[in-house]
N, C-alpha and C. Protein backbone atom coordinates (compact mmCIF):
# COMPACT_ATOMS: atom_id res chain seq x y z
N MET A 1 -1.63 -10.45 31.47
CA MET A 1 -2.79 -10.75 30.67
C MET A 1 -4.05 -10.09 31.24
N LEU A 2 -4.09 -9.84 32.51
CA LEU A 2 -5.27 -9.22 33.11
C LEU A 2 -5.55 -7.85 32.52
N ALA A 3 -4.50 -7.08 32.25
CA ALA A 3 -4.69 -5.75 31.66
C ALA A 3 -5.33 -5.85 30.28
N ALA A 4 -4.95 -6.86 29.53
CA ALA A 4 -5.50 -7.04 28.18
C ALA A 4 -6.99 -7.39 28.22
N ASN A 5 -7.44 -7.98 29.30
CA ASN A 5 -8.84 -8.39 29.39
C ASN A 5 -9.82 -7.22 29.37
N LYS A 6 -9.37 -6.02 29.71
CA LYS A 6 -10.28 -4.88 29.71
C LYS A 6 -10.54 -4.32 28.31
N TYR A 7 -9.76 -4.77 27.33
CA TYR A 7 -9.96 -4.34 25.94
C TYR A 7 -10.76 -5.42 25.22
N GLU A 8 -11.95 -5.08 24.86
CA GLU A 8 -12.87 -6.09 24.34
C GLU A 8 -13.42 -5.64 23.00
N TYR A 9 -13.28 -6.45 21.97
CA TYR A 9 -13.75 -6.12 20.63
C TYR A 9 -15.27 -5.98 20.58
N ARG A 10 -15.97 -6.68 21.45
CA ARG A 10 -17.44 -6.66 21.41
C ARG A 10 -18.01 -5.26 21.58
N ASN A 11 -17.28 -4.40 22.29
CA ASN A 11 -17.76 -3.04 22.54
C ASN A 11 -17.73 -2.16 21.29
N VAL A 12 -16.94 -2.53 20.30
CA VAL A 12 -16.79 -1.67 19.12
C VAL A 12 -17.07 -2.39 17.80
N ALA A 13 -17.21 -3.69 17.82
CA ALA A 13 -17.32 -4.46 16.57
C ALA A 13 -18.44 -3.96 15.67
N ASP A 14 -19.58 -3.62 16.22
CA ASP A 14 -20.70 -3.18 15.39
C ASP A 14 -20.51 -1.77 14.84
N LYS A 15 -19.50 -1.05 15.32
CA LYS A 15 -19.21 0.30 14.85
C LYS A 15 -18.21 0.31 13.69
N ILE A 16 -17.62 -0.82 13.40
CA ILE A 16 -16.63 -0.91 12.33
C ILE A 16 -17.36 -1.05 11.00
N THR A 17 -17.13 -0.08 10.11
CA THR A 17 -17.83 -0.07 8.81
C THR A 17 -16.86 -0.09 7.63
N GLN A 18 -15.61 -0.17 7.89
CA GLN A 18 -14.62 -0.19 6.82
C GLN A 18 -14.24 -1.63 6.48
N ASP A 19 -13.35 -1.79 5.51
CA ASP A 19 -12.82 -3.11 5.18
C ASP A 19 -12.04 -3.62 6.39
N PHE A 20 -12.10 -4.92 6.62
CA PHE A 20 -11.50 -5.49 7.82
C PHE A 20 -10.83 -6.81 7.48
N MET A 21 -9.58 -6.96 7.90
CA MET A 21 -8.86 -8.21 7.70
C MET A 21 -8.57 -8.82 9.06
N LEU A 22 -8.97 -10.06 9.23
CA LEU A 22 -8.75 -10.81 10.46
C LEU A 22 -7.79 -11.95 10.17
N LEU A 23 -6.66 -11.95 10.85
CA LEU A 23 -5.65 -12.99 10.67
C LEU A 23 -5.63 -13.89 11.90
N GLY A 24 -5.57 -15.18 11.66
CA GLY A 24 -5.54 -16.13 12.76
C GLY A 24 -4.37 -17.08 12.65
N ALA A 25 -4.12 -17.78 13.74
CA ALA A 25 -3.05 -18.78 13.79
C ALA A 25 -3.63 -20.07 14.36
N GLU A 26 -3.47 -21.12 13.61
CA GLU A 26 -4.06 -22.42 13.93
C GLU A 26 -3.68 -22.94 15.32
N LYS A 27 -2.46 -22.71 15.74
CA LYS A 27 -1.96 -23.23 17.02
C LYS A 27 -1.64 -22.10 18.01
N ASP A 28 -2.36 -21.00 17.91
CA ASP A 28 -2.13 -19.86 18.80
C ASP A 28 -2.34 -20.29 20.25
N HIS A 29 -1.37 -19.99 21.10
CA HIS A 29 -1.47 -20.39 22.50
C HIS A 29 -2.25 -19.38 23.35
N LEU A 30 -2.61 -18.23 22.78
CA LEU A 30 -3.36 -17.22 23.53
C LEU A 30 -4.81 -17.08 23.06
N ILE A 31 -5.05 -17.35 21.79
CA ILE A 31 -6.40 -17.17 21.24
C ILE A 31 -6.92 -18.52 20.76
N ARG A 32 -7.95 -19.01 21.42
CA ARG A 32 -8.51 -20.30 21.00
C ARG A 32 -9.17 -20.15 19.63
N ILE A 33 -9.11 -21.19 18.87
CA ILE A 33 -9.56 -21.15 17.47
C ILE A 33 -11.03 -20.76 17.34
N GLY A 34 -11.86 -21.12 18.29
CA GLY A 34 -13.28 -20.76 18.24
C GLY A 34 -13.54 -19.27 18.41
N LYS A 35 -12.59 -18.56 18.96
CA LYS A 35 -12.75 -17.12 19.18
C LYS A 35 -12.90 -16.37 17.86
N TYR A 36 -12.26 -16.88 16.81
CA TYR A 36 -12.34 -16.20 15.51
C TYR A 36 -13.78 -16.15 15.00
N LYS A 37 -14.53 -17.22 15.19
CA LYS A 37 -15.94 -17.22 14.78
C LYS A 37 -16.72 -16.17 15.56
N ASP A 38 -16.44 -16.04 16.84
CA ASP A 38 -17.11 -15.02 17.65
C ASP A 38 -16.83 -13.62 17.09
N VAL A 39 -15.58 -13.38 16.74
CA VAL A 39 -15.21 -12.07 16.19
C VAL A 39 -15.91 -11.84 14.85
N ILE A 40 -15.84 -12.83 13.97
CA ILE A 40 -16.47 -12.70 12.66
C ILE A 40 -17.97 -12.44 12.81
N ASP A 41 -18.63 -13.17 13.67
CA ASP A 41 -20.06 -12.99 13.88
C ASP A 41 -20.41 -11.60 14.41
N SER A 42 -19.49 -10.98 15.13
CA SER A 42 -19.76 -9.67 15.72
C SER A 42 -19.51 -8.52 14.74
N LEU A 43 -18.83 -8.79 13.64
CA LEU A 43 -18.49 -7.75 12.67
C LEU A 43 -19.60 -7.64 11.62
N LYS A 44 -20.75 -7.20 12.05
CA LYS A 44 -21.94 -7.18 11.20
C LYS A 44 -21.97 -6.05 10.18
N ASN A 45 -21.21 -4.99 10.42
CA ASN A 45 -21.31 -3.81 9.57
C ASN A 45 -20.07 -3.51 8.75
N VAL A 46 -19.12 -4.43 8.72
CA VAL A 46 -17.91 -4.17 7.93
C VAL A 46 -18.26 -4.17 6.45
N LYS A 47 -17.49 -3.39 5.71
CA LYS A 47 -17.69 -3.28 4.27
C LYS A 47 -17.29 -4.59 3.58
N LEU A 48 -16.10 -5.06 3.87
CA LEU A 48 -15.59 -6.32 3.33
C LEU A 48 -14.79 -7.00 4.42
N LEU A 49 -15.14 -8.22 4.74
CA LEU A 49 -14.41 -8.99 5.75
C LEU A 49 -13.55 -10.03 5.05
N THR A 50 -12.27 -10.00 5.34
CA THR A 50 -11.34 -11.00 4.84
C THR A 50 -10.77 -11.73 6.05
N TYR A 51 -10.87 -13.05 6.04
CA TYR A 51 -10.38 -13.87 7.15
C TYR A 51 -9.36 -14.85 6.61
N ARG A 52 -8.24 -14.96 7.30
CA ARG A 52 -7.17 -15.88 6.87
C ARG A 52 -6.61 -16.58 8.10
N MET A 53 -6.69 -17.91 8.09
CA MET A 53 -6.11 -18.72 9.16
C MET A 53 -4.79 -19.30 8.66
N PHE A 54 -3.71 -18.98 9.35
CA PHE A 54 -2.40 -19.51 9.00
C PHE A 54 -2.20 -20.85 9.69
N THR A 55 -1.54 -21.77 9.00
CA THR A 55 -1.48 -23.16 9.44
C THR A 55 -0.06 -23.60 9.79
N GLU A 56 -0.03 -24.77 10.39
CA GLU A 56 1.25 -25.40 10.72
C GLU A 56 2.04 -25.74 9.45
N ASN A 57 1.35 -26.16 8.41
CA ASN A 57 2.01 -26.47 7.13
C ASN A 57 2.72 -25.26 6.54
N GLU A 58 2.21 -24.07 6.85
CA GLU A 58 2.82 -22.83 6.35
C GLU A 58 3.90 -22.31 7.30
N ASN A 59 4.10 -23.02 8.41
CA ASN A 59 5.03 -22.60 9.46
C ASN A 59 4.63 -21.23 10.02
N ALA A 60 3.33 -21.01 10.12
CA ALA A 60 2.83 -19.72 10.60
C ALA A 60 1.68 -19.90 11.58
N ALA A 61 1.63 -21.04 12.26
CA ALA A 61 0.50 -21.38 13.12
C ALA A 61 0.61 -20.86 14.54
N SER A 62 1.74 -20.25 14.89
CA SER A 62 1.94 -19.76 16.26
C SER A 62 1.39 -18.34 16.42
N HIS A 63 1.26 -17.92 17.67
CA HIS A 63 0.79 -16.57 17.97
C HIS A 63 1.61 -15.54 17.21
N CYS A 64 0.95 -14.61 16.57
CA CYS A 64 1.58 -13.57 15.73
C CYS A 64 2.31 -14.16 14.53
N ASN A 65 2.02 -15.40 14.21
CA ASN A 65 2.58 -16.06 13.02
C ASN A 65 4.09 -15.94 12.96
N THR A 66 4.74 -16.13 14.11
CA THR A 66 6.17 -15.87 14.23
C THR A 66 7.04 -16.72 13.33
N GLY A 67 6.58 -17.86 12.87
CA GLY A 67 7.42 -18.74 12.07
C GLY A 67 7.59 -18.32 10.62
N ASN A 68 6.67 -17.51 10.10
CA ASN A 68 6.72 -17.17 8.69
C ASN A 68 6.24 -15.74 8.45
N PRO A 69 6.99 -14.76 8.95
CA PRO A 69 6.54 -13.37 8.80
C PRO A 69 6.44 -12.92 7.34
N LYS A 70 7.27 -13.46 6.47
CA LYS A 70 7.20 -13.06 5.06
C LYS A 70 5.85 -13.42 4.46
N LEU A 71 5.37 -14.62 4.72
CA LEU A 71 4.06 -15.03 4.20
C LEU A 71 2.97 -14.09 4.70
N VAL A 72 3.00 -13.81 5.99
CA VAL A 72 1.97 -12.96 6.59
C VAL A 72 2.00 -11.57 5.97
N LEU A 73 3.19 -11.00 5.85
CA LEU A 73 3.30 -9.66 5.26
C LEU A 73 2.89 -9.66 3.79
N ASP A 74 3.23 -10.71 3.06
CA ASP A 74 2.81 -10.81 1.66
C ASP A 74 1.28 -10.83 1.55
N ILE A 75 0.63 -11.56 2.44
CA ILE A 75 -0.84 -11.64 2.44
C ILE A 75 -1.44 -10.27 2.75
N ILE A 76 -0.89 -9.59 3.74
CA ILE A 76 -1.39 -8.26 4.12
C ILE A 76 -1.21 -7.27 2.98
N ILE A 77 -0.03 -7.25 2.38
CA ILE A 77 0.25 -6.32 1.28
C ILE A 77 -0.67 -6.61 0.10
N SER A 78 -0.87 -7.87 -0.21
CA SER A 78 -1.77 -8.25 -1.30
C SER A 78 -3.19 -7.75 -1.02
N TRP A 79 -3.64 -7.91 0.21
CA TRP A 79 -4.98 -7.46 0.59
C TRP A 79 -5.11 -5.94 0.44
N ILE A 80 -4.10 -5.22 0.89
CA ILE A 80 -4.12 -3.75 0.77
C ILE A 80 -4.21 -3.35 -0.70
N LYS A 81 -3.45 -4.01 -1.56
CA LYS A 81 -3.49 -3.70 -2.99
C LYS A 81 -4.87 -3.96 -3.59
N VAL A 82 -5.49 -5.05 -3.20
CA VAL A 82 -6.84 -5.35 -3.69
C VAL A 82 -7.81 -4.26 -3.27
N ILE A 83 -7.74 -3.85 -2.03
CA ILE A 83 -8.64 -2.81 -1.52
C ILE A 83 -8.40 -1.50 -2.25
N LYS A 84 -7.14 -1.13 -2.41
CA LYS A 84 -6.82 0.13 -3.10
C LYS A 84 -7.29 0.11 -4.55
N ASN A 85 -7.08 -1.01 -5.24
CA ASN A 85 -7.51 -1.11 -6.64
C ASN A 85 -9.03 -1.08 -6.77
N ARG A 86 -9.71 -1.62 -5.81
CA ARG A 86 -11.17 -1.61 -5.83
C ARG A 86 -11.72 -0.20 -5.68
N GLU A 87 -10.99 0.63 -4.94
CA GLU A 87 -11.45 1.99 -4.67
C GLU A 87 -11.17 2.96 -5.82
N LYS A 88 -10.44 2.51 -6.84
CA LYS A 88 -10.12 3.41 -7.97
C LYS A 88 -11.32 3.61 -8.85
């Protein structure tokens, strides 16, 4: 985990100007739930921010949403389609 600590979103968050999707997990054992607000607050220049917190009820509340990958992939694919259709 120490190696991961040197990669910090704060250094680049204000440089992101494209559409951005942030996925979270309610019971993530590595990322505390309050961290998502910090990330969202730092993304001041994104074109469109989409945030989705996966829950225990969806069986997707663990780190990387390991319990329900189909739901997660469906959400991602749906988001990509919305973005692509908007750009037409």
